[in-house]
């Protein structure tokens, strides 16, 4: 099984709680296996084992209260 990493830039995160909110929402997107998120850098890296719907990831970040763009 091959894994793909997809990177996003997230605006507005300032703390660990922000990271947790993003992680929880993005974790519900089908295909997502691993989530690395950093409030310090604003970087979100999603590791997936199947194609992941960008719109679903962006919507999940929005649901958490932040804005993201794919890098």
Protein backbone atom coordinates (compact mmCIF):
# COMPACT_ATOMS: atom_id res chain seq x y z
CA UNK A 1 0.00 0.00 0.00
CA UNK A 2 1.40 3.39 -0.92
CA UNK A 3 0.85 6.54 1.05
CA UNK A 4 0.60 10.09 -0.27
CA UNK A 5 1.36 13.26 1.67
CA UNK A 6 -0.67 16.37 0.88
CA UNK A 7 0.40 19.70 2.34
CA UNK A 8 -1.83 22.64 3.23
CA UNK A 9 -1.20 26.08 4.71
CA UNK A 10 -3.68 26.97 7.46
CA UNK A 11 -4.31 30.55 8.59
CA UNK A 12 -5.37 31.54 12.08
CA UNK A 13 -4.03 28.72 14.27
CA UNK A 14 -2.29 30.01 17.41
CA UNK A 15 -2.11 27.15 19.93
CA UNK A 16 -2.37 23.46 20.70
CA UNK A 17 -6.15 23.67 20.96
CA UNK A 18 -6.23 25.02 17.39
CA UNK A 19 -4.14 22.06 16.26
CA UNK A 20 -6.45 19.64 18.07
CA UNK A 21 -9.55 21.15 16.44
CA UNK A 22 -8.06 20.83 12.96
CA UNK A 23 -6.83 17.29 13.68
CA UNK A 24 -10.27 16.16 14.87
CA UNK A 25 -12.14 17.57 11.86
CA UNK A 26 -9.64 16.46 9.20
CA UNK A 27 -9.44 13.02 10.82
CA UNK A 28 -13.03 12.39 9.73
CA UNK A 29 -12.19 12.76 6.02
CA UNK A 30 -12.22 9.35 4.28
CA UNK A 31 -8.75 8.02 3.42
CA UNK A 32 -6.84 10.15 5.92
CA UNK A 33 -4.39 7.96 7.85
CA UNK A 34 -2.18 10.50 9.62
CA UNK A 35 -2.32 14.22 10.35
CA UNK A 36 0.61 16.46 11.25
CA UNK A 37 -0.41 20.00 12.11
CA UNK A 38 1.62 22.89 13.54
CA UNK A 39 0.21 26.17 14.80
CA UNK A 40 3.75 27.59 14.79
CA UNK A 41 4.23 27.08 11.04
CA UNK A 42 0.59 26.94 9.95
CA UNK A 43 1.40 23.71 8.15
CA UNK A 44 -1.00 20.79 7.84
CA UNK A 45 0.29 17.57 6.30
CA UNK A 46 -2.26 14.86 5.59
CA UNK A 47 -1.04 11.33 4.90
CA UNK A 48 -3.53 9.21 2.98
CA UNK A 49 -3.73 5.65 1.68
CA UNK A 50 -6.16 6.56 -1.11
CA UNK A 51 -7.08 9.69 -3.06
CA UNK A 52 -8.42 12.33 -0.69
CA UNK A 53 -10.95 14.94 -1.71
CA UNK A 54 -9.23 18.33 -1.36
CA UNK A 55 -12.60 20.02 -0.95
CA UNK A 56 -13.40 17.71 1.98
CA UNK A 57 -10.11 18.54 3.72
CA UNK A 58 -10.60 22.27 3.15
CA UNK A 59 -14.19 22.01 4.40
CA UNK A 60 -13.00 20.15 7.51
CA UNK A 61 -10.45 22.88 8.26
CA UNK A 62 -13.19 25.47 7.75
CA UNK A 63 -15.47 23.53 10.11
CA UNK A 64 -12.70 23.77 12.72
CA UNK A 65 -12.78 27.55 12.26
CA UNK A 66 -9.76 28.15 10.02
CA UNK A 67 -8.94 28.75 6.36
CA UNK A 68 -6.56 26.54 4.38
CA UNK A 69 -5.05 26.32 0.92
CA UNK A 70 -3.25 23.41 -0.67
CA UNK A 71 0.44 24.10 -1.12
